[in-house]
Structures are given as structure tokens and as C-alpha cells.
Amino acid sequence: MKENRDFRRLYATGKTSVDGLLAVYARKNRVGCTRLGITVGTKLGGAVVRNRVRRRIREAYRLEEPNLRMGYDIVVVARKSAADASYARLRQSLLKAMGKLGISGV
């Protein structure tokens, strides 16, 4: 997902799962494929730190993608504590949030 209106629509009408590392928003879409958006704010640190967090979230999603239900818009918002978290903790947090939202486990 890239369009600002898509992010805003998801924030307003999607389901939410939040923990210490990530906030995950999900909503069924009409496109038929699952779209991912990742938001990492400047509070996390400099560009190197933000890009590292973004890459880790993207990789965790990529590995889990075959097990997800199709046809959802997903936005992952990294919280401040995600900057210091290991990849394993980020992945666990993402999987737990997707499970709560009902999009994990085909």
C-alpha cells in the first residue's frame, strides 16, 4: 500500500491489535490480494534504525505470507520499543497480532 487515503481508511475502519512493539491494523479489501503497508516514525531514531526495523518487519511478513488469508489490507506501525527489539521478538509480535486479527492460519 502506498496511497495516503488507503492508510487513513484502514486506520478509521480496520480492526486493530496492539502490543509493546507493534500496532497492526487489518481490513478486508476488494482487490483480492493482500497488501502490506509499514509505518516507522522518526521517534524510533535515524534513517539507519528506521530502515532496519522496516526490513525486519517486511522479512517477517514475507516468511509468513503463505500462511495468511488473502484479500486483506494490513498496516504495521512500529512503536518506539521496536528499535531495540531483536528480529525474533518483532516476528513473534507480528505473528501474535495477525493471529488476534484472524488473518493468520489459512
PDB file of N, CA and C in Angstrom:
ATOM      1  N   MET A   1       0.837  -1.175   0.000  1.00  0.00           N
ATOM      2  CA  MET A   1       0.000   0.000   0.000  1.00  0.00           C
ATOM      3  C   MET A   1       0.879   1.235   0.000  1.00  0.00           C
ATOM      4  N   LYS A   2       0.484   2.210  -0.765  1.00  0.00           N
ATOM      5  CA  LYS A   2       1.274   3.432  -0.846  1.00  0.00           C
ATOM      6  C   LYS A   2       0.446   4.699  -0.681  1.00  0.00           C
ATOM      7  N   GLU A   3      -0.831   4.628  -1.031  1.00  0.00           N
ATOM      8  CA  GLU A   3      -1.666   5.820  -1.026  1.00  0.00           C
ATOM      9  C   GLU A   3      -2.087   6.211   0.394  1.00  0.00           C
ATOM     10  N   ASN A   4      -1.992   7.497   0.688  1.00  0.00           N
ATOM     11  CA  ASN A   4      -2.358   8.007   2.000  1.00  0.00           C
ATOM     12  C   ASN A   4      -3.824   7.722   2.322  1.00  0.00           C
ATOM     13  N   ARG A   5      -4.693   7.800   1.332  1.00  0.00           N
ATOM     14  CA  ARG A   5      -6.121   7.561   1.576  1.00  0.00           C
ATOM     15  C   ARG A   5      -6.372   6.115   2.001  1.00  0.00           C
ATOM     16  N   ASP A   6      -5.574   5.175   1.489  1.00  0.00           N
ATOM     17  CA  ASP A   6      -5.715   3.782   1.895  1.00  0.00           C
ATOM     18  C   ASP A   6      -5.336   3.598   3.366  1.00  0.00           C
ATOM     19  N   PHE A   7      -4.263   4.253   3.774  1.00  0.00           N
ATOM     20  CA  PHE A   7      -3.842   4.182   5.174  1.00  0.00           C
ATOM     21  C   PHE A   7      -4.913   4.790   6.073  1.00  0.00           C
ATOM     22  N   ARG A   8      -5.424   5.949   5.711  1.00  0.00           N
ATOM     23  CA  ARG A   8      -6.441   6.626   6.527  1.00  0.00           C
ATOM     24  C   ARG A   8      -7.717   5.797   6.635  1.00  0.00           C
ATOM     25  N   ARG A   9      -8.137   5.197   5.542  1.00  0.00           N
ATOM     26  CA  ARG A   9      -9.339   4.365   5.553  1.00  0.00           C
ATOM     27  C   ARG A   9      -9.148   3.165   6.477  1.00  0.00           C
ATOM     28  N   LEU A  10      -7.963   2.587   6.438  1.00  0.00           N
ATOM     29  CA  LEU A  10      -7.670   1.441   7.281  1.00  0.00           C
ATOM     30  C   LEU A  10      -7.631   1.830   8.758  1.00  0.00           C
ATOM     31  N   TYR A  11      -7.023   2.969   9.078  1.00  0.00           N
ATOM     32  CA  TYR A  11      -6.992   3.437  10.466  1.00  0.00           C
ATOM     33  C   TYR A  11      -8.406   3.676  10.989  1.00  0.00           C
ATOM     34  N   ALA A  12      -9.284   4.188  10.142  1.00  0.00           N
ATOM     35  CA  ALA A  12     -10.629   4.550  10.573  1.00  0.00           C
ATOM     36  C   ALA A  12     -11.562   3.344  10.700  1.00  0.00           C
ATOM     37  N   THR A  13     -11.437   2.374   9.801  1.00  0.00           N
ATOM     38  CA  THR A  13     -12.426   1.299   9.752  1.00  0.00           C
ATOM     39  C   THR A  13     -11.869  -0.095  10.007  1.00  0.00           C
ATOM     40  N   GLY A  14     -10.554  -0.243  10.118  1.00  0.00           N
ATOM     41  CA  GLY A  14      -9.973  -1.570  10.279  1.00  0.00           C
ATOM     42  C   GLY A  14      -9.954  -2.041  11.719  1.00  0.00           C
ATOM     43  N   LYS A  15      -9.687  -3.339  11.886  1.00  0.00           N
ATOM     44  CA  LYS A  15      -9.513  -3.913  13.216  1.00  0.00           C
ATOM     45  C   LYS A  15      -8.074  -3.663  13.652  1.00  0.00           C
ATOM     46  N   THR A  16      -7.849  -3.591  14.964  1.00  0.00           N
ATOM     47  CA  THR A  16      -6.537  -3.235  15.493  1.00  0.00           C
ATOM     48  C   THR A  16      -6.075  -4.247  16.520  1.00  0.00           C
ATOM     49  N   SER A  17      -4.777  -4.529  16.507  1.00  0.00           N
ATOM     50  CA  SER A  17      -4.137  -5.315  17.550  1.00  0.00           C
ATOM     51  C   SER A  17      -2.852  -4.599  17.928  1.00  0.00           C
ATOM     52  N   VAL A  18      -2.686  -4.313  19.229  1.00  0.00           N
ATOM     53  CA  VAL A  18      -1.555  -3.509  19.684  1.00  0.00           C
ATOM     54  C   VAL A  18      -0.817  -4.251  20.792  1.00  0.00           C
ATOM     55  N   ASP A  19       0.508  -4.187  20.747  1.00  0.00           N
ATOM     56  CA  ASP A  19       1.321  -4.641  21.872  1.00  0.00           C
ATOM     57  C   ASP A  19       2.487  -3.675  22.040  1.00  0.00           C
ATOM     58  N   GLY A  20       3.493  -4.049  22.802  1.00  0.00           N
ATOM     59  CA  GLY A  20       4.585  -3.142  23.103  1.00  0.00           C
ATOM     60  C   GLY A  20       5.457  -2.771  21.924  1.00  0.00           C
ATOM     61  N   LEU A  21       5.533  -3.624  20.917  1.00  0.00           N
ATOM     62  CA  LEU A  21       6.424  -3.385  19.778  1.00  0.00           C
ATOM     63  C   LEU A  21       5.710  -2.862  18.539  1.00  0.00           C
ATOM     64  N   LEU A  22       4.518  -3.405  18.264  1.00  0.00           N
ATOM     65  CA  LEU A  22       3.841  -3.094  17.008  1.00  0.00           C
ATOM     66  C   LEU A  22       2.352  -2.829  17.222  1.00  0.00           C
ATOM     67  N   ALA A  23       1.798  -2.032  16.352  1.00  0.00           N
ATOM     68  CA  ALA A  23       0.354  -1.901  16.224  1.00  0.00           C
ATOM     69  C   ALA A  23       0.015  -2.362  14.807  1.00  0.00           C
ATOM     70  N   VAL A  24      -0.915  -3.283  14.699  1.00  0.00           N
ATOM     71  CA  VAL A  24      -1.267  -3.850  13.399  1.00  0.00           C
ATOM     72  C   VAL A  24      -2.743  -3.569  13.128  1.00  0.00           C
ATOM     73  N   TYR A  25      -3.010  -3.000  11.961  1.00  0.00           N
ATOM     74  CA  TYR A  25      -4.369  -2.710  11.507  1.00  0.00           C
ATOM     75  C   TYR A  25      -4.653  -3.612  10.316  1.00  0.00           C
ATOM     76  N   ALA A  26      -5.858  -4.161  10.257  1.00  0.00           N
ATOM     77  CA  ALA A  26      -6.221  -5.025   9.130  1.00  0.00           C
ATOM     78  C   ALA A  26      -7.674  -4.792   8.746  1.00  0.00           C
ATOM     79  N   ARG A  27      -7.927  -4.961   7.458  1.00  0.00           N
ATOM     80  CA  ARG A  27      -9.274  -4.771   6.916  1.00  0.00           C
ATOM     81  C   ARG A  27      -9.377  -5.549   5.616  1.00  0.00           C
ATOM     82  N   LYS A  28     -10.511  -6.185   5.393  1.00  0.00           N
ATOM     83  CA  LYS A  28     -10.720  -6.906   4.149  1.00  0.00           C
ATOM     84  C   LYS A  28     -10.788  -5.904   2.998  1.00  0.00           C
ATOM     85  N   ASN A  29     -10.162  -6.246   1.876  1.00  0.00           N
ATOM     86  CA  ASN A  29     -10.199  -5.348   0.717  1.00  0.00           C
ATOM     87  C   ASN A  29     -10.936  -6.015  -0.441  1.00  0.00           C
ATOM     88  N   ARG A  30     -11.123  -5.265  -1.497  1.00  0.00           N
ATOM     89  CA  ARG A  30     -11.826  -5.788  -2.671  1.00  0.00           C
ATOM     90  C   ARG A  30     -10.867  -6.121  -3.801  1.00  0.00           C
ATOM     91  N   VAL A  31      -9.588  -6.018  -3.543  1.00  0.00           N
ATOM     92  CA  VAL A  31      -8.586  -6.241  -4.580  1.00  0.00           C
ATOM     93  C   VAL A  31      -8.375  -7.729  -4.831  1.00  0.00           C
ATOM     94  N   GLY A  32      -8.491  -8.539  -3.778  1.00  0.00           N
ATOM     95  CA  GLY A  32      -8.302  -9.975  -3.934  1.00  0.00           C
ATOM     96  C   GLY A  32      -6.925 -10.447  -3.510  1.00  0.00           C
ATOM     97  N   CYS A  33      -5.985  -9.536  -3.366  1.00  0.00           N
ATOM     98  CA  CYS A  33      -4.656  -9.908  -2.876  1.00  0.00           C
ATOM     99  C   CYS A  33      -4.388  -9.118  -1.593  1.00  0.00           C
ATOM    100  N   THR A  34      -3.450  -9.616  -0.811  1.00  0.00           N
ATOM    101  CA  THR A  34      -3.119  -8.947   0.438  1.00  0.00           C
ATOM    102  C   THR A  34      -2.078  -7.873   0.178  1.00  0.00           C
ATOM    103  N   ARG A  35      -2.321  -6.675   0.730  1.00  0.00           N
ATOM    104  CA  ARG A  35      -1.393  -5.555   0.570  1.00  0.00           C
ATOM    105  C   ARG A  35      -0.845  -5.177   1.938  1.00  0.00           C
ATOM    106  N   LEU A  36       0.438  -4.843   1.996  1.00  0.00           N
ATOM    107  CA  LEU A  36       1.110  -4.503   3.244  1.00  0.00           C
ATOM    108  C   LEU A  36       1.610  -3.070   3.197  1.00  0.00           C
ATOM    109  N   GLY A  37       1.417  -2.365   4.308  1.00  0.00           N
ATOM    110  CA  GLY A  37       1.984  -1.034   4.485  1.00  0.00           C
ATOM    111  C   GLY A  37       2.725  -1.018   5.812  1.00  0.00           C
ATOM    112  N   ILE A  38       3.881  -0.388   5.847  1.00  0.00           N
ATOM    113  CA  ILE A  38       4.680  -0.321   7.070  1.00  0.00           C
ATOM    114  C   ILE A  38       4.952   1.138   7.384  1.00  0.00           C
ATOM    115  N   THR A  39       4.687   1.521   8.638  1.00  0.00           N
ATOM    116  CA  THR A  39       4.919   2.886   9.078  1.00  0.00           C
ATOM    117  C   THR A  39       5.921   2.867  10.223  1.00  0.00           C
ATOM    118  N   VAL A  40       6.989   3.628  10.062  1.00  0.00           N
ATOM    119  CA  VAL A  40       8.016   3.739  11.097  1.00  0.00           C
ATOM    120  C   VAL A  40       8.279   5.222  11.294  1.00  0.00           C
ATOM    121  N   GLY A  41       7.919   5.750  12.449  1.00  0.00           N
ATOM    122  CA  GLY A  41       8.050   7.175  12.713  1.00  0.00           C
ATOM    123  C   GLY A  41       9.463   7.590  13.069  1.00  0.00           C
ATOM    124  N   THR A  42       9.697   8.884  13.050  1.00  0.00           N
ATOM    125  CA  THR A  42      11.028   9.421  13.330  1.00  0.00           C
ATOM    126  C   THR A  42      11.412   9.307  14.798  1.00  0.00           C
ATOM    127  N   LYS A  43      10.457   9.013  15.673  1.00  0.00           N
ATOM    128  CA  LYS A  43      10.768   8.841  17.091  1.00  0.00           C
ATOM    129  C   LYS A  43      11.645   7.610  17.336  1.00  0.00           C
ATOM    130  N   LEU A  44      11.661   6.684  16.400  1.00  0.00           N
ATOM    131  CA  LEU A  44      12.455   5.477  16.570  1.00  0.00           C
ATOM    132  C   LEU A  44      13.951   5.746  16.477  1.00  0.00           C
ATOM    133  N   GLY A  45      14.334   6.745  15.725  1.00  0.00           N
ATOM    134  CA  GLY A  45      15.751   7.045  15.561  1.00  0.00           C
ATOM    135  C   GLY A  45      16.032   7.561  14.169  1.00  0.00           C
ATOM    136  N   GLY A  46      17.304   7.475  13.800  1.00  0.00           N
ATOM    137  CA  GLY A  46      17.729   7.956  12.489  1.00  0.00           C
ATOM    138  C   GLY A  46      17.296   7.012  11.378  1.00  0.00           C
ATOM    139  N   ALA A  47      17.666   7.360  10.168  1.00  0.00           N
ATOM    140  CA  ALA A  47      17.247   6.603   8.990  1.00  0.00           C
ATOM    141  C   ALA A  47      17.737   5.159   9.031  1.00  0.00           C
ATOM    142  N   VAL A  48      18.945   4.943   9.545  1.00  0.00           N
ATOM    143  CA  VAL A  48      19.501   3.589   9.604  1.00  0.00           C
ATOM    144  C   VAL A  48      18.638   2.701  10.496  1.00  0.00           C
ATOM    145  N   VAL A  49      18.271   3.213  11.651  1.00  0.00           N
ATOM    146  CA  VAL A  49      17.448   2.451  12.600  1.00  0.00           C
ATOM    147  C   VAL A  49      16.059   2.201  12.023  1.00  0.00           C
ATOM    148  N   ARG A  50      15.447   3.225  11.458  1.00  0.00           N
ATOM    149  CA  ARG A  50      14.108   3.077  10.891  1.00  0.00           C
ATOM    150  C   ARG A  50      14.096   2.074   9.747  1.00  0.00           C
ATOM    151  N   ASN A  51      15.096   2.126   8.879  1.00  0.00           N
ATOM    152  CA  ASN A  51      15.155   1.192   7.764  1.00  0.00           C
ATOM    153  C   ASN A  51      15.394  -0.236   8.239  1.00  0.00           C
ATOM    154  N   ARG A  52      16.177  -0.418   9.293  1.00  0.00           N
ATOM    155  CA  ARG A  52      16.419  -1.748   9.845  1.00  0.00           C
ATOM    156  C   ARG A  52      15.114  -2.342  10.366  1.00  0.00           C
ATOM    157  N   VAL A  53      14.358  -1.548  11.101  1.00  0.00           N
ATOM    158  CA  VAL A  53      13.065  -2.018  11.619  1.00  0.00           C
ATOM    159  C   VAL A  53      12.134  -2.360  10.461  1.00  0.00           C
ATOM    160  N   ARG A  54      12.088  -1.512   9.458  1.00  0.00           N
ATOM    161  CA  ARG A  54      11.238  -1.747   8.284  1.00  0.00           C
ATOM    162  C   ARG A  54      11.619  -3.044   7.569  1.00  0.00           C
ATOM    163  N   ARG A  55      12.911  -3.280   7.386  1.00  0.00           N
ATOM    164  CA  ARG A  55      13.381  -4.507   6.725  1.00  0.00           C
ATOM    165  C   ARG A  55      13.010  -5.742   7.520  1.00  0.00           C
ATOM    166  N   ARG A  56      13.150  -5.666   8.843  1.00  0.00           N
ATOM    167  CA  ARG A  56      12.821  -6.818   9.693  1.00  0.00           C
ATOM    168  C   ARG A  56      11.332  -7.141   9.643  1.00  0.00           C
ATOM    169  N   ILE A  57      10.502  -6.124   9.676  1.00  0.00           N
ATOM    170  CA  ILE A  57       9.055  -6.347   9.597  1.00  0.00           C
ATOM    171  C   ILE A  57       8.697  -6.941   8.239  1.00  0.00           C
ATOM    172  N   ARG A  58       9.274  -6.406   7.183  1.00  0.00           N
ATOM    173  CA  ARG A  58       8.994  -6.898   5.832  1.00  0.00           C
ATOM    174  C   ARG A  58       9.405  -8.365   5.682  1.00  0.00           C
ATOM    175  N   GLU A  59      10.557  -8.729   6.256  1.00  0.00           N
ATOM    176  CA  GLU A  59      11.030 -10.108   6.168  1.00  0.00           C
ATOM    177  C   GLU A  59      10.130 -11.050   6.973  1.00  0.00           C
ATOM    178  N   ALA A  60       9.716 -10.637   8.164  1.00  0.00           N
ATOM    179  CA  ALA A  60       8.814 -11.463   8.973  1.00  0.00           C
ATOM    180  C   ALA A  60       7.495 -11.688   8.236  1.00  0.00           C
ATOM    181  N   TYR A  61       6.995 -10.656   7.586  1.00  0.00           N
ATOM    182  CA  TYR A  61       5.766 -10.784   6.804  1.00  0.00           C
ATOM    183  C   TYR A  61       5.991 -11.713   5.607  1.00  0.00           C
ATOM    184  N   ARG A  62       7.103 -11.566   4.927  1.00  0.00           N
ATOM    185  CA  ARG A  62       7.389 -12.379   3.747  1.00  0.00           C
ATOM    186  C   ARG A  62       7.402 -13.867   4.087  1.00  0.00           C
ATOM    187  N   LEU A  63       7.996 -14.214   5.229  1.00  0.00           N
ATOM    188  CA  LEU A  63       8.065 -15.617   5.620  1.00  0.00           C
ATOM    189  C   LEU A  63       6.696 -16.174   6.022  1.00  0.00           C
ATOM    190  N   GLU A  64       5.826 -15.325   6.518  1.00  0.00           N
ATOM    191  CA  GLU A  64       4.513 -15.761   6.977  1.00  0.00           C
ATOM    192  C   GLU A  64       3.444 -15.665   5.885  1.00  0.00           C
ATOM    193  N   GLU A  65       3.731 -14.976   4.814  1.00  0.00           N
ATOM    194  CA  GLU A  65       2.739 -14.698   3.761  1.00  0.00           C
ATOM    195  C   GLU A  65       2.008 -15.934   3.232  1.00  0.00           C
ATOM    196  N   PRO A  66       2.685 -17.068   3.014  1.00  0.00           N
ATOM    197  CA  PRO A  66       1.942 -18.240   2.509  1.00  0.00           C
ATOM    198  C   PRO A  66       0.864 -18.743   3.475  1.00  0.00           C
ATOM    199  N   ASN A  67       0.993 -18.416   4.760  1.00  0.00           N
ATOM    200  CA  ASN A  67       0.042 -18.895   5.764  1.00  0.00           C
ATOM    201  C   ASN A  67      -1.072 -17.895   6.057  1.00  0.00           C
ATOM    202  N   LEU A  68      -1.101 -16.779   5.355  1.00  0.00           N
ATOM    203  CA  LEU A  68      -2.088 -15.744   5.623  1.00  0.00           C
ATOM    204  C   LEU A  68      -3.289 -15.880   4.699  1.00  0.00           C
ATOM    205  N   ARG A  69      -4.420 -15.378   5.163  1.00  0.00           N
ATOM    206  CA  ARG A  69      -5.609 -15.319   4.324  1.00  0.00           C
ATOM    207  C   ARG A  69      -5.429 -14.219   3.296  1.00  0.00           C
ATOM    208  N   MET A  70      -5.966 -14.441   2.123  1.00  0.00           N
ATOM    209  CA  MET A  70      -5.820 -13.480   1.038  1.00  0.00           C
ATOM    210  C   MET A  70      -6.932 -12.435   1.106  1.00  0.00           C
ATOM    211  N   GLY A  71      -6.639 -11.260   0.521  1.00  0.00           N
ATOM    212  CA  GLY A  71      -7.653 -10.229   0.385  1.00  0.00           C
ATOM    213  C   GLY A  71      -7.752  -9.267   1.546  1.00  0.00           C
ATOM    214  N   TYR A  72      -6.627  -8.963   2.189  1.00  0.00           N
ATOM    215  CA  TYR A  72      -6.619  -8.027   3.304  1.00  0.00           C
ATOM    216  C   TYR A  72      -5.640  -6.894   3.048  1.00  0.00           C
ATOM    217  N   ASP A  73      -5.965  -5.726   3.604  1.00  0.00           N
ATOM    218  CA  ASP A  73      -5.008  -4.630   3.699  1.00  0.00           C
ATOM    219  C   ASP A  73      -4.457  -4.669   5.118  1.00  0.00           C
ATOM    220  N   ILE A  74      -3.149  -4.630   5.245  1.00  0.00           N
ATOM    221  CA  ILE A  74      -2.503  -4.702   6.552  1.00  0.00           C
ATOM    222  C   ILE A  74      -1.544  -3.531   6.674  1.00  0.00           C
ATOM    223  N   VAL A  75      -1.625  -2.811   7.782  1.00  0.00           N
ATOM    224  CA  VAL A  75      -0.657  -1.756   8.085  1.00  0.00           C
ATOM    225  C   VAL A  75      -0.015  -2.091   9.419  1.00  0.00           C
ATOM    226  N   VAL A  76       1.315  -2.098   9.425  1.00  0.00           N
ATOM    227  CA  VAL A  76       2.082  -2.357  10.633  1.00  0.00           C
ATOM    228  C   VAL A  76       2.742  -1.047  11.038  1.00  0.00           C
ATOM    229  N   VAL A  77       2.463  -0.604  12.261  1.00  0.00           N
ATOM    230  CA  VAL A  77       3.050   0.623  12.795  1.00  0.00           C
ATOM    231  C   VAL A  77       4.046   0.222  13.875  1.00  0.00           C
ATOM    232  N   ALA A  78       5.308   0.561  13.659  1.00  0.00           N
ATOM    233  CA  ALA A  78       6.347   0.235  14.636  1.00  0.00           C
ATOM    234  C   ALA A  78       6.309   1.239  15.772  1.00  0.00           C
ATOM    235  N   ARG A  79       6.339   0.731  17.000  1.00  0.00           N
ATOM    236  CA  ARG A  79       6.371   1.604  18.167  1.00  0.00           C
ATOM    237  C   ARG A  79       7.821   1.821  18.582  1.00  0.00           C
ATOM    238  N   LYS A  80       8.032   2.739  19.490  1.00  0.00           N
ATOM    239  CA  LYS A  80       9.384   3.166  19.842  1.00  0.00           C
ATOM    240  C   LYS A  80      10.267   2.013  20.325  1.00  0.00           C
ATOM    241  N   SER A  81       9.695   1.077  21.064  1.00  0.00           N
ATOM    242  CA  SER A  81      10.486  -0.040  21.591  1.00  0.00           C
ATOM    243  C   SER A  81      10.933  -1.013  20.498  1.00  0.00           C
ATOM    244  N   ALA A  82      10.376  -0.913  19.302  1.00  0.00           N
ATOM    245  CA  ALA A  82      10.761  -1.802  18.207  1.00  0.00           C
ATOM    246  C   ALA A  82      12.187  -1.541  17.735  1.00  0.00           C
ATOM    247  N   ALA A  83      12.705  -0.352  18.000  1.00  0.00           N
ATOM    248  CA  ALA A  83      14.054  -0.013  17.559  1.00  0.00           C
ATOM    249  C   ALA A  83      15.106  -0.871  18.255  1.00  0.00           C
ATOM    250  N   ASP A  84      14.845  -1.260  19.506  1.00  0.00           N
ATOM    251  CA  ASP A  84      15.811  -2.045  20.271  1.00  0.00           C
ATOM    252  C   ASP A  84      15.499  -3.536  20.279  1.00  0.00           C
ATOM    253  N   ALA A  85      14.390  -3.930  19.688  1.00  0.00           N
ATOM    254  CA  ALA A  85      13.961  -5.328  19.727  1.00  0.00           C
ATOM    255  C   ALA A  85      14.735  -6.168  18.718  1.00  0.00           C
ATOM    256  N   SER A  86      14.900  -7.434  19.054  1.00  0.00           N
ATOM    257  CA  SER A  86      15.547  -8.363  18.131  1.00  0.00           C
ATOM    258  C   SER A  86      14.567  -8.761  17.029  1.00  0.00           C
ATOM    259  N   TYR A  87      15.101  -9.363  15.982  1.00  0.00           N
ATOM    260  CA  TYR A  87      14.249  -9.818  14.885  1.00  0.00           C
ATOM    261  C   TYR A  87      13.243 -10.856  15.389  1.00  0.00           C
ATOM    262  N   ALA A  88      13.692 -11.757  16.253  1.00  0.00           N
ATOM    263  CA  ALA A  88      12.813 -12.809  16.758  1.00  0.00           C
ATOM    264  C   ALA A  88      11.626 -12.220  17.522  1.00  0.00           C
ATOM    265  N   ARG A  89      11.858 -11.211  18.332  1.00  0.00           N
ATOM    266  CA  ARG A  89      10.768 -10.573  19.081  1.00  0.00           C
ATOM    267  C   ARG A  89       9.813  -9.840  18.145  1.00  0.00           C
ATOM    268  N   LEU A  90      10.360  -9.158  17.126  1.00  0.00           N
ATOM    269  CA  LEU A  90       9.496  -8.466  16.157  1.00  0.00           C
ATOM    270  C   LEU A  90       8.612  -9.470  15.408  1.00  0.00           C
ATOM    271  N   ARG A  91       9.208 -10.571  14.983  1.00  0.00           N
ATOM    272  CA  ARG A  91       8.446 -11.577  14.240  1.00  0.00           C
ATOM    273  C   ARG A  91       7.363 -12.186  15.118  1.00  0.00           C
ATOM    274  N   GLN A  92       7.717 -12.502  16.357  1.00  0.00           N
ATOM    275  CA  GLN A  92       6.742 -13.068  17.290  1.00  0.00           C
ATOM    276  C   GLN A  92       5.591 -12.089  17.526  1.00  0.00           C
ATOM    277  N   SER A  93       5.910 -10.830  17.687  1.00  0.00           N
ATOM    278  CA  SER A  93       4.896  -9.807  17.902  1.00  0.00           C
ATOM    279  C   SER A  93       3.975  -9.691  16.694  1.00  0.00           C
ATOM    280  N   LEU A  94       4.538  -9.712  15.489  1.00  0.00           N
ATOM    281  CA  LEU A  94       3.741  -9.618  14.260  1.00  0.00           C
ATOM    282  C   LEU A  94       2.818 -10.821  14.117  1.00  0.00           C
ATOM    283  N   LEU A  95       3.343 -12.015  14.358  1.00  0.00           N
ATOM    284  CA  LEU A  95       2.525 -13.225  14.233  1.00  0.00           C
ATOM    285  C   LEU A  95       1.393 -13.247  15.252  1.00  0.00           C
ATOM    286  N   LYS A  96       1.689 -12.819  16.458  1.00  0.00           N
ATOM    287  CA  LYS A  96       0.668 -12.783  17.504  1.00  0.00           C
ATOM    288  C   LYS A  96      -0.447 -11.798  17.133  1.00  0.00           C
ATOM    289  N   ALA A  97      -0.061 -10.624  16.633  1.00  0.00           N
ATOM    290  CA  ALA A  97      -1.052  -9.616  16.246  1.00  0.00           C
ATOM    291  C   ALA A  97      -1.913 -10.110  15.082  1.00  0.00           C
ATOM    292  N   MET A  98      -1.297 -10.749  14.093  1.00  0.00           N
ATOM    293  CA  MET A  98      -2.066 -11.248  12.964  1.00  0.00           C
ATOM    294  C   MET A  98      -2.999 -12.376  13.386  1.00  0.00           C
ATOM    295  N   GLY A  99      -2.570 -13.182  14.348  1.00  0.00           N
ATOM    296  CA  GLY A  99      -3.429 -14.219  14.873  1.00  0.00           C
ATOM    297  C   GLY A  99      -4.647 -13.639  15.576  1.00  0.00           C
ATOM    298  N   LYS A 100      -4.448 -12.583  16.350  1.00  0.00           N
ATOM    299  CA  LYS A 100      -5.567 -11.935  17.043  1.00  0.00           C
ATOM    300  C   LYS A 100      -6.575 -11.335  16.059  1.00  0.00           C
ATOM    301  N   LEU A 101      -6.065 -10.832  14.930  1.00  0.00           N
ATOM    302  CA  LEU A 101      -6.936 -10.218  13.933  1.00  0.00           C
ATOM    303  C   LEU A 101      -7.622 -11.253  13.026  1.00  0.00           C
ATOM    304  N   GLY A 102      -7.216 -12.498  13.135  1.00  0.00           N
ATOM    305  CA  GLY A 102      -7.857 -13.552  12.353  1.00  0.00           C
ATOM    306  C   GLY A 102      -7.401 -13.654  10.914  1.00  0.00           C
ATOM    307  N   ILE A 103      -6.225 -13.137  10.605  1.00  0.00           N
ATOM    308  CA  ILE A 103      -5.742 -13.233   9.224  1.00  0.00           C
ATOM    309  C   ILE A 103      -4.628 -14.259   9.085  1.00  0.00           C
ATOM    310  N   SER A 104      -4.199 -14.820  10.183  1.00  0.00           N
ATOM    311  CA  SER A 104      -3.151 -15.840  10.164  1.00  0.00           C
ATOM    312  C   SER A 104      -3.794 -17.220  10.189  1.00  0.00           C
ATOM    313  N   GLY A 105      -3.151 -18.180   9.577  1.00  0.00           N
ATOM    314  CA  GLY A 105      -3.644 -19.545   9.591  1.00  0.00           C
ATOM    315  C   GLY A 105      -4.732 -19.790   8.570  1.00  0.00           C
ATOM    316  N   VAL A 106      -4.339 -20.251   7.416  1.00  0.00           N
ATOM    317  CA  VAL A 106      -5.297 -20.491   6.329  1.00  0.00           C
ATOM    318  C   VAL A 106      -6.140 -21.694   6.615  1.00  0.00           C
TER     319      VAL A 106
END
